[in-house]
Amino acid sequence: MILVMNATPLAMSFCNLGLDDSATVIQWHLLGMFLPAFVAGTLVDRLGSVRVALGGAATLAASAAIAIAGESFEHFLLSSCLLGVGWNLMLVAGTTLLGSGHRPEERSAAQG
């Protein structure tokens, strides 16, 4: 994650995009990381951890495909936002899977 947060503004600068554009992309990435948390738990309850994790993986794949497809502001914005959404879905689903694989007395130790 640190690599993405540091490399994105550098890559955008290399593509002749301004500092304001870089700030906007990082802001949308952060929104993508944390806004889905309001619904991710409900999705895990309704669809299951594995399906939500697979949805997160598909979102990450879409993010990568968009990032590779071009160097415009829109490519950076959409790929970074989707990267955050995919991360959130996989984090919530993975945390749920981690907890479900242990006895109740072991769960807090397993999750750190």
PDB file of N, CA and C in Angstrom:
ATOM      1  N   MET A   1       0.831  -1.187   0.000  1.00  0.00           N
ATOM      2  CA  MET A   1       0.000   0.000   0.000  1.00  0.00           C
ATOM      3  C   MET A   1       0.874   1.248   0.000  1.00  0.00           C
ATOM      4  N   ILE A   2       1.966   1.195   0.726  1.00  0.00           N
ATOM      5  CA  ILE A   2       2.869   2.351   0.763  1.00  0.00           C
ATOM      6  C   ILE A   2       3.420   2.627  -0.634  1.00  0.00           C
ATOM      7  N   LEU A   3       3.724   1.562  -1.367  1.00  0.00           N
ATOM      8  CA  LEU A   3       4.246   1.735  -2.722  1.00  0.00           C
ATOM      9  C   LEU A   3       3.239   2.474  -3.600  1.00  0.00           C
ATOM     10  N   VAL A   4       1.975   2.077  -3.518  1.00  0.00           N
ATOM     11  CA  VAL A   4       0.945   2.727  -4.335  1.00  0.00           C
ATOM     12  C   VAL A   4       0.800   4.192  -3.954  1.00  0.00           C
ATOM     13  N   MET A   5       0.775   4.475  -2.668  1.00  0.00           N
ATOM     14  CA  MET A   5       0.573   5.850  -2.216  1.00  0.00           C
ATOM     15  C   MET A   5       1.756   6.750  -2.580  1.00  0.00           C
ATOM     16  N   ASN A   6       2.937   6.187  -2.650  1.00  0.00           N
ATOM     17  CA  ASN A   6       4.113   6.979  -3.031  1.00  0.00           C
ATOM     18  C   ASN A   6       4.326   7.018  -4.541  1.00  0.00           C
ATOM     19  N   ALA A   7       4.066   5.913  -5.209  1.00  0.00           N
ATOM     20  CA  ALA A   7       4.356   5.827  -6.638  1.00  0.00           C
ATOM     21  C   ALA A   7       3.305   6.521  -7.501  1.00  0.00           C
ATOM     22  N   THR A   8       2.073   6.547  -7.054  1.00  0.00           N
ATOM     23  CA  THR A   8       1.013   7.141  -7.878  1.00  0.00           C
ATOM     24  C   THR A   8       1.267   8.608  -8.200  1.00  0.00           C
ATOM     25  N   PRO A   9       1.549   9.466  -7.214  1.00  0.00           N
ATOM     26  CA  PRO A   9       1.827  10.864  -7.573  1.00  0.00           C
ATOM     27  C   PRO A   9       3.051  11.020  -8.481  1.00  0.00           C
ATOM     28  N   LEU A  10       4.051  10.170  -8.294  1.00  0.00           N
ATOM     29  CA  LEU A  10       5.231  10.231  -9.166  1.00  0.00           C
ATOM     30  C   LEU A  10       4.870   9.835 -10.595  1.00  0.00           C
ATOM     31  N   ALA A  11       4.097   8.763 -10.729  1.00  0.00           N
ATOM     32  CA  ALA A  11       3.677   8.325 -12.064  1.00  0.00           C
ATOM     33  C   ALA A  11       2.792   9.378 -12.725  1.00  0.00           C
ATOM     34  N   MET A  12       1.928   9.999 -11.937  1.00  0.00           N
ATOM     35  CA  MET A  12       1.058  11.034 -12.494  1.00  0.00           C
ATOM     36  C   MET A  12       1.866  12.245 -12.934  1.00  0.00           C
ATOM     37  N   SER A  13       2.879  12.591 -12.182  1.00  0.00           N
ATOM     38  CA  SER A  13       3.756  13.696 -12.567  1.00  0.00           C
ATOM     39  C   SER A  13       4.481  13.366 -13.873  1.00  0.00           C
ATOM     40  N   PHE A  14       4.932  12.132 -13.995  1.00  0.00           N
ATOM     41  CA  PHE A  14       5.599  11.677 -15.210  1.00  0.00           C
ATOM     42  C   PHE A  14       4.660  11.761 -16.418  1.00  0.00           C
ATOM     43  N   CYS A  15       3.351  11.598 -16.173  1.00  0.00           N
ATOM     44  CA  CYS A  15       2.341  11.676 -17.243  1.00  0.00           C
ATOM     45  C   CYS A  15       1.813  13.094 -17.428  1.00  0.00           C
ATOM     46  N   ASN A  16       2.546  14.072 -16.895  1.00  0.00           N
ATOM     47  CA  ASN A  16       2.207  15.495 -17.023  1.00  0.00           C
ATOM     48  C   ASN A  16       0.875  15.866 -16.376  1.00  0.00           C
ATOM     49  N   LEU A  17       0.542  15.191 -15.286  1.00  0.00           N
ATOM     50  CA  LEU A  17      -0.641  15.543 -14.505  1.00  0.00           C
ATOM     51  C   LEU A  17      -0.179  16.324 -13.282  1.00  0.00           C
ATOM     52  N   GLY A  18      -0.985  17.257 -12.836  1.00  0.00           N
ATOM     53  CA  GLY A  18      -0.590  18.163 -11.772  1.00  0.00           C
ATOM     54  C   GLY A  18      -0.744  17.600 -10.371  1.00  0.00           C
ATOM     55  N   LEU A  19      -0.249  18.362  -9.429  1.00  0.00           N
ATOM     56  CA  LEU A  19      -0.320  17.983  -8.020  1.00  0.00           C
ATOM     57  C   LEU A  19      -1.768  17.924  -7.537  1.00  0.00           C
ATOM     58  N   ASP A  20      -2.608  18.825  -8.024  1.00  0.00           N
ATOM     59  CA  ASP A  20      -4.030  18.792  -7.663  1.00  0.00           C
ATOM     60  C   ASP A  20      -4.680  17.489  -8.138  1.00  0.00           C
ATOM     61  N   ASP A  21      -4.321  17.055  -9.330  1.00  0.00           N
ATOM     62  CA  ASP A  21      -4.846  15.785  -9.839  1.00  0.00           C
ATOM     63  C   ASP A  21      -4.394  14.625  -8.958  1.00  0.00           C
ATOM     64  N   SER A  22      -3.133  14.646  -8.556  1.00  0.00           N
ATOM     65  CA  SER A  22      -2.606  13.589  -7.689  1.00  0.00           C
ATOM     66  C   SER A  22      -3.344  13.552  -6.361  1.00  0.00           C
ATOM     67  N   ALA A  23      -3.588  14.722  -5.789  1.00  0.00           N
ATOM     68  CA  ALA A  23      -4.304  14.786  -4.515  1.00  0.00           C
ATOM     69  C   ALA A  23      -5.719  14.238  -4.655  1.00  0.00           C
ATOM     70  N   THR A  24      -6.378  14.555  -5.753  1.00  0.00           N
ATOM     71  CA  THR A  24      -7.738  14.056  -5.984  1.00  0.00           C
ATOM     72  C   THR A  24      -7.750  12.539  -6.102  1.00  0.00           C
ATOM     73  N   VAL A  25      -6.782  11.988  -6.823  1.00  0.00           N
ATOM     74  CA  VAL A  25      -6.702  10.532  -6.986  1.00  0.00           C
ATOM     75  C   VAL A  25      -6.473   9.855  -5.640  1.00  0.00           C
ATOM     76  N   ILE A  26      -5.577  10.379  -4.833  1.00  0.00           N
ATOM     77  CA  ILE A  26      -5.313   9.796  -3.516  1.00  0.00           C
ATOM     78  C   ILE A  26      -6.556   9.906  -2.631  1.00  0.00           C
ATOM     79  N   GLN A  27      -7.260  11.026  -2.699  1.00  0.00           N
ATOM     80  CA  GLN A  27      -8.489  11.178  -1.913  1.00  0.00           C
ATOM     81  C   GLN A  27      -9.524  10.121  -2.301  1.00  0.00           C
ATOM     82  N   TRP A  28      -9.707   9.908  -3.593  1.00  0.00           N
ATOM     83  CA  TRP A  28     -10.675   8.912  -4.042  1.00  0.00           C
ATOM     84  C   TRP A  28     -10.221   7.499  -3.709  1.00  0.00           C
ATOM     85  N   HIS A  29      -8.926   7.270  -3.705  1.00  0.00           N
ATOM     86  CA  HIS A  29      -8.411   5.967  -3.286  1.00  0.00           C
ATOM     87  C   HIS A  29      -8.771   5.717  -1.820  1.00  0.00           C
ATOM     88  N   LEU A  30      -8.569   6.717  -0.985  1.00  0.00           N
ATOM     89  CA  LEU A  30      -8.904   6.571   0.435  1.00  0.00           C
ATOM     90  C   LEU A  30     -10.405   6.377   0.637  1.00  0.00           C
ATOM     91  N   LEU A  31     -11.218   7.100  -0.113  1.00  0.00           N
ATOM     92  CA  LEU A  31     -12.666   6.881  -0.038  1.00  0.00           C
ATOM     93  C   LEU A  31     -13.021   5.452  -0.452  1.00  0.00           C
ATOM     94  N   GLY A  32     -12.369   4.967  -1.504  1.00  0.00           N
ATOM     95  CA  GLY A  32     -12.595   3.592  -1.941  1.00  0.00           C
ATOM     96  C   GLY A  32     -12.182   2.578  -0.894  1.00  0.00           C
ATOM     97  N   MET A  33     -11.168   2.916  -0.112  1.00  0.00           N
ATOM     98  CA  MET A  33     -10.713   2.005   0.934  1.00  0.00           C
ATOM     99  C   MET A  33     -11.692   1.924   2.103  1.00  0.00           C
ATOM    100  N   PHE A  34     -12.307   3.029   2.468  1.00  0.00           N
ATOM    101  CA  PHE A  34     -13.046   3.043   3.724  1.00  0.00           C
ATOM    102  C   PHE A  34     -14.560   3.171   3.598  1.00  0.00           C
ATOM    103  N   LEU A  35     -15.085   3.788   2.563  1.00  0.00           N
ATOM    104  CA  LEU A  35     -16.546   3.891   2.435  1.00  0.00           C
ATOM    105  C   LEU A  35     -17.247   2.533   2.307  1.00  0.00           C
ATOM    106  N   PRO A  36     -16.678   1.567   1.584  1.00  0.00           N
ATOM    107  CA  PRO A  36     -17.366   0.275   1.488  1.00  0.00           C
ATOM    108  C   PRO A  36     -17.492  -0.459   2.825  1.00  0.00           C
ATOM    109  N   ALA A  37     -16.755  -0.034   3.825  1.00  0.00           N
ATOM    110  CA  ALA A  37     -16.834  -0.696   5.129  1.00  0.00           C
ATOM    111  C   ALA A  37     -18.239  -0.629   5.715  1.00  0.00           C
ATOM    112  N   PHE A  38     -19.010   0.375   5.317  1.00  0.00           N
ATOM    113  CA  PHE A  38     -20.368   0.493   5.831  1.00  0.00           C
ATOM    114  C   PHE A  38     -21.278  -0.627   5.331  1.00  0.00           C
ATOM    115  N   VAL A  39     -20.945  -1.233   4.194  1.00  0.00           N
ATOM    116  CA  VAL A  39     -21.780  -2.297   3.631  1.00  0.00           C
ATOM    117  C   VAL A  39     -21.048  -3.635   3.501  1.00  0.00           C
ATOM    118  N   ALA A  40     -19.746  -3.651   3.662  1.00  0.00           N
ATOM    119  CA  ALA A  40     -18.978  -4.880   3.435  1.00  0.00           C
ATOM    120  C   ALA A  40     -19.372  -5.987   4.410  1.00  0.00           C
ATOM    121  N   GLY A  41     -19.596  -5.644   5.662  1.00  0.00           N
ATOM    122  CA  GLY A  41     -20.008  -6.651   6.643  1.00  0.00           C
ATOM    123  C   GLY A  41     -21.351  -7.266   6.291  1.00  0.00           C
ATOM    124  N   THR A  42     -22.277  -6.436   5.848  1.00  0.00           N
ATOM    125  CA  THR A  42     -23.589  -6.931   5.427  1.00  0.00           C
ATOM    126  C   THR A  42     -23.453  -7.833   4.207  1.00  0.00           C
ATOM    127  N   LEU A  43     -22.574  -7.461   3.284  1.00  0.00           N
ATOM    128  CA  LEU A  43     -22.334  -8.311   2.111  1.00  0.00           C
ATOM    129  C   LEU A  43     -21.784  -9.672   2.525  1.00  0.00           C
ATOM    130  N   VAL A  44     -20.865  -9.680   3.489  1.00  0.00           N
ATOM    131  CA  VAL A  44     -20.308 -10.947   3.971  1.00  0.00           C
ATOM    132  C   VAL A  44     -21.409 -11.788   4.609  1.00  0.00           C
ATOM    133  N   ASP A  45     -22.275 -11.161   5.393  1.00  0.00           N
ATOM    134  CA  ASP A  45     -23.377 -11.896   6.017  1.00  0.00           C
ATOM    135  C   ASP A  45     -24.325 -12.484   4.979  1.00  0.00           C
ATOM    136  N   ARG A  46     -24.610 -11.743   3.934  1.00  0.00           N
ATOM    137  CA  ARG A  46     -25.590 -12.187   2.932  1.00  0.00           C
ATOM    138  C   ARG A  46     -25.000 -13.128   1.887  1.00  0.00           C
ATOM    139  N   LEU A  47     -23.789 -12.826   1.441  1.00  0.00           N
ATOM    140  CA  LEU A  47     -23.203 -13.585   0.330  1.00  0.00           C
ATOM    141  C   LEU A  47     -22.151 -14.597   0.767  1.00  0.00           C
ATOM    142  N   GLY A  48     -21.571 -14.391   1.926  1.00  0.00           N
ATOM    143  CA  GLY A  48     -20.502 -15.254   2.407  1.00  0.00           C
ATOM    144  C   GLY A  48     -19.133 -14.640   2.153  1.00  0.00           C
ATOM    145  N   SER A  49     -18.191 -15.026   2.997  1.00  0.00           N
ATOM    146  CA  SER A  49     -16.841 -14.462   2.927  1.00  0.00           C
ATOM    147  C   SER A  49     -16.133 -14.774   1.623  1.00  0.00           C
ATOM    148  N   VAL A  50     -16.280 -15.994   1.157  1.00  0.00           N
ATOM    149  CA  VAL A  50     -15.560 -16.401  -0.053  1.00  0.00           C
ATOM    150  C   VAL A  50     -16.050 -15.609  -1.267  1.00  0.00           C
ATOM    151  N   ARG A  51     -17.350 -15.441  -1.389  1.00  0.00           N
ATOM    152  CA  ARG A  51     -17.880 -14.686  -2.536  1.00  0.00           C
ATOM    153  C   ARG A  51     -17.460 -13.223  -2.488  1.00  0.00           C
ATOM    154  N   VAL A  52     -17.483 -12.638  -1.292  1.00  0.00           N
ATOM    155  CA  VAL A  52     -17.067 -11.236  -1.176  1.00  0.00           C
ATOM    156  C   VAL A  52     -15.578 -11.107  -1.475  1.00  0.00           C
ATOM    157  N   ALA A  53     -14.776 -12.058  -1.005  1.00  0.00           N
ATOM    158  CA  ALA A  53     -13.340 -12.026  -1.303  1.00  0.00           C
ATOM    159  C   ALA A  53     -13.098 -12.166  -2.807  1.00  0.00           C
ATOM    160  N   LEU A  54     -13.845 -13.039  -3.458  1.00  0.00           N
ATOM    161  CA  LEU A  54     -13.712 -13.179  -4.914  1.00  0.00           C
ATOM    162  C   LEU A  54     -14.153 -11.910  -5.634  1.00  0.00           C
ATOM    163  N   GLY A  55     -15.198 -11.267  -5.126  1.00  0.00           N
ATOM    164  CA  GLY A  55     -15.611  -9.982  -5.690  1.00  0.00           C
ATOM    165  C   GLY A  55     -14.530  -8.929  -5.523  1.00  0.00           C
ATOM    166  N   GLY A  56     -13.869  -8.943  -4.361  1.00  0.00           N
ATOM    167  CA  GLY A  56     -12.750  -8.026  -4.134  1.00  0.00           C
ATOM    168  C   GLY A  56     -11.595  -8.306  -5.078  1.00  0.00           C
ATOM    169  N   ALA A  57     -11.317  -9.589  -5.302  1.00  0.00           N
ATOM    170  CA  ALA A  57     -10.241  -9.953  -6.230  1.00  0.00           C
ATOM    171  C   ALA A  57     -10.581  -9.520  -7.658  1.00  0.00           C
ATOM    172  N   ALA A  58     -11.837  -9.680  -8.047  1.00  0.00           N
ATOM    173  CA  ALA A  58     -12.261  -9.229  -9.380  1.00  0.00           C
ATOM    174  C   ALA A  58     -12.149  -7.711  -9.498  1.00  0.00           C
ATOM    175  N   THR A  59     -12.464  -7.006  -8.418  1.00  0.00           N
ATOM    176  CA  THR A  59     -12.340  -5.548  -8.416  1.00  0.00           C
ATOM    177  C   THR A  59     -10.878  -5.137  -8.554  1.00  0.00           C
ATOM    178  N   LEU A  60      -9.986  -5.852  -7.871  1.00  0.00           N
ATOM    179  CA  LEU A  60      -8.551  -5.570  -8.011  1.00  0.00           C
ATOM    180  C   LEU A  60      -8.071  -5.849  -9.434  1.00  0.00           C
ATOM    181  N   ALA A  61      -8.570  -6.917 -10.032  1.00  0.00           N
ATOM    182  CA  ALA A  61      -8.189  -7.224 -11.416  1.00  0.00           C
ATOM    183  C   ALA A  61      -8.675  -6.127 -12.366  1.00  0.00           C
ATOM    184  N   ALA A  62      -9.895  -5.640 -12.142  1.00  0.00           N
ATOM    185  CA  ALA A  62     -10.412  -4.541 -12.966  1.00  0.00           C
ATOM    186  C   ALA A  62      -9.567  -3.287 -12.778  1.00  0.00           C
ATOM    187  N   SER A  63      -9.155  -3.038 -11.545  1.00  0.00           N
ATOM    188  CA  SER A  63      -8.292  -1.892 -11.256  1.00  0.00           C
ATOM    189  C   SER A  63      -6.980  -1.989 -12.032  1.00  0.00           C
ATOM    190  N   ALA A  64      -6.391  -3.171 -12.026  1.00  0.00           N
ATOM    191  CA  ALA A  64      -5.131  -3.369 -12.749  1.00  0.00           C
ATOM    192  C   ALA A  64      -5.325  -3.197 -14.254  1.00  0.00           C
ATOM    193  N   ALA A  65      -6.425  -3.730 -14.776  1.00  0.00           N
ATOM    194  CA  ALA A  65      -6.688  -3.610 -16.216  1.00  0.00           C
ATOM    195  C   ALA A  65      -6.863  -2.151 -16.624  1.00  0.00           C
ATOM    196  N   ILE A  66      -7.558  -1.387 -15.804  1.00  0.00           N
ATOM    197  CA  ILE A  66      -7.763   0.038 -16.105  1.00  0.00           C
ATOM    198  C   ILE A  66      -6.444   0.794 -16.008  1.00  0.00           C
ATOM    199  N   ALA A  67      -5.634   0.456 -15.009  1.00  0.00           N
ATOM    200  CA  ALA A  67      -4.341   1.128 -14.845  1.00  0.00           C
ATOM    201  C   ALA A  67      -3.430   0.875 -16.041  1.00  0.00           C
ATOM    202  N   ILE A  68      -3.472  -0.327 -16.559  1.00  0.00           N
ATOM    203  CA  ILE A  68      -2.625  -0.681 -17.701  1.00  0.00           C
ATOM    204  C   ILE A  68      -3.135  -0.047 -18.995  1.00  0.00           C
ATOM    205  N   ALA A  69      -4.445   0.221 -19.048  1.00  0.00           N
ATOM    206  CA  ALA A  69      -5.078   0.675 -20.290  1.00  0.00           C
ATOM    207  C   ALA A  69      -4.736   2.104 -20.689  1.00  0.00           C
ATOM    208  N   GLY A  70      -4.267   2.926 -19.770  1.00  0.00           N
ATOM    209  CA  GLY A  70      -3.992   4.302 -20.164  1.00  0.00           C
ATOM    210  C   GLY A  70      -3.311   5.118 -19.085  1.00  0.00           C
ATOM    211  N   GLU A  71      -2.986   6.358 -19.446  1.00  0.00           N
ATOM    212  CA  GLU A  71      -2.243   7.250 -18.556  1.00  0.00           C
ATOM    213  C   GLU A  71      -2.997   8.543 -18.279  1.00  0.00           C
ATOM    214  N   SER A  72      -4.285   8.567 -18.540  1.00  0.00           N
ATOM    215  CA  SER A  72      -5.059   9.791 -18.323  1.00  0.00           C
ATOM    216  C   SER A  72      -5.452   9.917 -16.851  1.00  0.00           C
ATOM    217  N   PHE A  73      -5.907  11.094 -16.503  1.00  0.00           N
ATOM    218  CA  PHE A  73      -6.392  11.338 -15.148  1.00  0.00           C
ATOM    219  C   PHE A  73      -7.500  10.349 -14.791  1.00  0.00           C
ATOM    220  N   GLU A  74      -8.406  10.097 -15.726  1.00  0.00           N
ATOM    221  CA  GLU A  74      -9.526   9.198 -15.483  1.00  0.00           C
ATOM    222  C   GLU A  74      -9.055   7.772 -15.205  1.00  0.00           C
ATOM    223  N   HIS A  75      -8.016   7.325 -15.920  1.00  0.00           N
ATOM    224  CA  HIS A  75      -7.469   5.992 -15.667  1.00  0.00           C
ATOM    225  C   HIS A  75      -6.892   5.909 -14.257  1.00  0.00           C
ATOM    226  N   PHE A  76      -6.116   6.910 -13.878  1.00  0.00           N
ATOM    227  CA  PHE A  76      -5.554   6.925 -12.531  1.00  0.00           C
ATOM    228  C   PHE A  76      -6.661   6.958 -11.481  1.00  0.00           C
ATOM    229  N   LEU A  77      -7.658   7.807 -11.689  1.00  0.00           N
ATOM    230  CA  LEU A  77      -8.732   7.980 -10.710  1.00  0.00           C
ATOM    231  C   LEU A  77      -9.530   6.690 -10.520  1.00  0.00           C
ATOM    232  N   LEU A  78     -10.000   6.121 -11.608  1.00  0.00           N
ATOM    233  CA  LEU A  78     -10.837   4.930 -11.511  1.00  0.00           C
ATOM    234  C   LEU A  78     -10.053   3.723 -11.006  1.00  0.00           C
ATOM    235  N   SER A  79      -8.837   3.545 -11.498  1.00  0.00           N
ATOM    236  CA  SER A  79      -8.058   2.390 -11.047  1.00  0.00           C
ATOM    237  C   SER A  79      -7.699   2.505  -9.568  1.00  0.00           C
ATOM    238  N   SER A  80      -7.378   3.694  -9.102  1.00  0.00           N
ATOM    239  CA  SER A  80      -7.034   3.869  -7.686  1.00  0.00           C
ATOM    240  C   SER A  80      -8.247   3.687  -6.784  1.00  0.00           C
ATOM    241  N   CYS A  81      -9.388   4.193  -7.212  1.00  0.00           N
ATOM    242  CA  CYS A  81     -10.612   4.028  -6.430  1.00  0.00           C
ATOM    243  C   CYS A  81     -11.001   2.549  -6.355  1.00  0.00           C
ATOM    244  N   LEU A  82     -10.961   1.856  -7.479  1.00  0.00           N
ATOM    245  CA  LEU A  82     -11.281   0.429  -7.483  1.00  0.00           C
ATOM    246  C   LEU A  82     -10.279  -0.379  -6.672  1.00  0.00           C
ATOM    247  N   LEU A  83      -9.032   0.039  -6.677  1.00  0.00           N
ATOM    248  CA  LEU A  83      -8.028  -0.618  -5.850  1.00  0.00           C
ATOM    249  C   LEU A  83      -8.421  -0.542  -4.377  1.00  0.00           C
ATOM    250  N   GLY A  84      -8.872   0.620  -3.945  1.00  0.00           N
ATOM    251  CA  GLY A  84      -9.309   0.779  -2.563  1.00  0.00           C
ATOM    252  C   GLY A  84     -10.527  -0.069  -2.237  1.00  0.00           C
ATOM    253  N   VAL A  85     -11.501  -0.108  -3.141  1.00  0.00           N
ATOM    254  CA  VAL A  85     -12.712  -0.902  -2.919  1.00  0.00           C
ATOM    255  C   VAL A  85     -12.365  -2.387  -2.835  1.00  0.00           C
ATOM    256  N   GLY A  86     -11.542  -2.860  -3.761  1.00  0.00           N
ATOM    257  CA  GLY A  86     -11.134  -4.262  -3.739  1.00  0.00           C
ATOM    258  C   GLY A  86     -10.390  -4.620  -2.472  1.00  0.00           C
ATOM    259  N   TRP A  87      -9.515  -3.730  -2.032  1.00  0.00           N
ATOM    260  CA  TRP A  87      -8.780  -3.947  -0.787  1.00  0.00           C
ATOM    261  C   TRP A  87      -9.750  -4.093   0.378  1.00  0.00           C
ATOM    262  N   ASN A  88     -10.734  -3.190   0.457  1.00  0.00           N
ATOM    263  CA  ASN A  88     -11.685  -3.224   1.565  1.00  0.00           C
ATOM    264  C   ASN A  88     -12.475  -4.527   1.570  1.00  0.00           C
ATOM    265  N   LEU A  89     -12.983  -4.923   0.425  1.00  0.00           N
ATOM    266  CA  LEU A  89     -13.775  -6.151   0.359  1.00  0.00           C
ATOM    267  C   LEU A  89     -12.949  -7.362   0.766  1.00  0.00           C
ATOM    268  N   MET A  90     -11.712  -7.418   0.292  1.00  0.00           N
ATOM    269  CA  MET A  90     -10.866  -8.553   0.643  1.00  0.00           C
ATOM    270  C   MET A  90     -10.443  -8.513   2.105  1.00  0.00           C
ATOM    271  N   LEU A  91     -10.221  -7.330   2.653  1.00  0.00           N
ATOM    272  CA  LEU A  91      -9.854  -7.214   4.065  1.00  0.00           C
ATOM    273  C   LEU A  91     -10.989  -7.686   4.963  1.00  0.00           C
ATOM    274  N   VAL A  92     -12.196  -7.204   4.722  1.00  0.00           N
ATOM    275  CA  VAL A  92     -13.334  -7.587   5.562  1.00  0.00           C
ATOM    276  C   VAL A  92     -13.619  -9.080   5.424  1.00  0.00           C
ATOM    277  N   ALA A  93     -13.636  -9.582   4.205  1.00  0.00           N
ATOM    278  CA  ALA A  93     -13.895 -11.006   3.993  1.00  0.00           C
ATOM    279  C   ALA A  93     -12.787 -11.863   4.597  1.00  0.00           C
ATOM    280  N   GLY A  94     -11.549 -11.450   4.423  1.00  0.00           N
ATOM    281  CA  GLY A  94     -10.429 -12.207   4.972  1.00  0.00           C
ATOM    282  C   GLY A  94     -10.410 -12.221   6.487  1.00  0.00           C
ATOM    283  N   THR A  95     -10.743 -11.097   7.096  1.00  0.00           N
ATOM    284  CA  THR A  95     -10.803 -11.029   8.552  1.00  0.00           C
ATOM    285  C   THR A  95     -11.900 -11.949   9.077  1.00  0.00           C
ATOM    286  N   THR A  96     -13.025 -11.982   8.391  1.00  0.00           N
ATOM    287  CA  THR A  96     -14.119 -12.869   8.784  1.00  0.00           C
ATOM    288  C   THR A  96     -13.705 -14.329   8.634  1.00  0.00           C
ATOM    289  N   LEU A  97     -13.044 -14.654   7.540  1.00  0.00           N
ATOM    290  CA  LEU A  97     -12.570 -16.027   7.338  1.00  0.00           C
ATOM    291  C   LEU A  97     -11.550 -16.424   8.396  1.00  0.00           C
ATOM    292  N   LEU A  98     -10.675 -15.512   8.742  1.00  0.00           N
ATOM    293  CA  LEU A  98      -9.665 -15.798   9.760  1.00  0.00           C
ATOM    294  C   LEU A  98     -10.330 -16.118  11.088  1.00  0.00           C
ATOM    295  N   GLY A  99     -11.314 -15.330  11.458  1.00  0.00           N
ATOM    296  CA  GLY A  99     -12.012 -15.571  12.719  1.00  0.00           C
ATOM    297  C   GLY A  99     -12.813 -16.852  12.721  1.00  0.00           C
ATOM    298  N   SER A 100     -13.380 -17.212  11.582  1.00  0.00           N
ATOM    299  CA  SER A 100     -14.216 -18.413  11.528  1.00  0.00           C
ATOM    300  C   SER A 100     -13.394 -19.697  11.555  1.00  0.00           C
ATOM    301  N   GLY A 101     -12.116 -19.607  11.326  1.00  0.00           N
ATOM    302  CA  GLY A 101     -11.265 -20.791  11.321  1.00  0.00           C
ATOM    303  C   GLY A 101     -10.670 -21.140  12.672  1.00  0.00           C
ATOM    304  N   HIS A 102     -11.068 -20.428  13.709  1.00  0.00           N
ATOM    305  CA  HIS A 102     -10.522 -20.664  15.045  1.00  0.00           C
ATOM    306  C   HIS A 102     -11.639 -20.811  16.066  1.00  0.00           C
ATOM    307  N   ARG A 103     -11.306 -21.453  17.172  1.00  0.00           N
ATOM    308  CA  ARG A 103     -12.263 -21.546  18.281  1.00  0.00           C
ATOM    309  C   ARG A 103     -12.440 -20.160  18.888  1.00  0.00           C
ATOM    310  N   PRO A 104     -13.577 -19.905  19.529  1.00  0.00           N
ATOM    311  CA  PRO A 104     -13.834 -18.569  20.084  1.00  0.00           C
ATOM    312  C   PRO A 104     -12.725 -18.049  20.994  1.00  0.00           C
ATOM    313  N   GLU A 105     -12.131 -18.909  21.785  1.00  0.00           N
ATOM    314  CA  GLU A 105     -11.077 -18.450  22.699  1.00  0.00           C
ATOM    315  C   GLU A 105      -9.764 -18.133  21.974  1.00  0.00           C
ATOM    316  N   GLU A 106      -9.614 -18.573  20.734  1.00  0.00           N
ATOM    317  CA  GLU A 106      -8.399 -18.316  19.959  1.00  0.00           C
ATOM    318  C   GLU A 106      -8.526 -17.129  19.006  1.00  0.00           C
ATOM    319  N   ARG A 107      -9.737 -16.672  18.760  1.00  0.00           N
ATOM    320  CA  ARG A 107      -9.972 -15.679  17.710  1.00  0.00           C
ATOM    321  C   ARG A 107      -9.223 -14.375  17.925  1.00  0.00           C
ATOM    322  N   SER A 108      -9.243 -13.853  19.126  1.00  0.00           N
ATOM    323  CA  SER A 108      -8.569 -12.562  19.340  1.00  0.00           C
ATOM    324  C   SER A 108      -7.064 -12.692  19.153  1.00  0.00           C
ATOM    325  N   ALA A 109      -6.484 -13.796  19.577  1.00  0.00           N
ATOM    326  CA  ALA A 109      -5.043 -14.000  19.384  1.00  0.00           C
ATOM    327  C   ALA A 109      -4.714 -14.184  17.903  1.00  0.00           C
ATOM    328  N   ALA A 110      -5.578 -14.883  17.174  1.00  0.00           N
ATOM    329  CA  ALA A 110      -5.334 -15.115  15.747  1.00  0.00           C
ATOM    330  C   ALA A 110      -5.408 -13.823  14.949  1.00  0.00           C
ATOM    331  N   GLN A 111      -6.284 -12.916  15.360  1.00  0.00           N
ATOM    332  CA  GLN A 111      -6.451 -11.664  14.635  1.00  0.00           C
ATOM    333  C   GLN A 111      -5.476 -10.593  15.091  1.00  0.00           C
ATOM    334  N   GLY A 112      -4.703 -10.883  16.096  1.00  0.00           N
ATOM    335  CA  GLY A 112      -3.670  -9.947  16.538  1.00  0.00           C
ATOM    336  C   GLY A 112      -4.203  -8.951  17.473  1.00  0.00           C
TER     337      GLY A 112
END
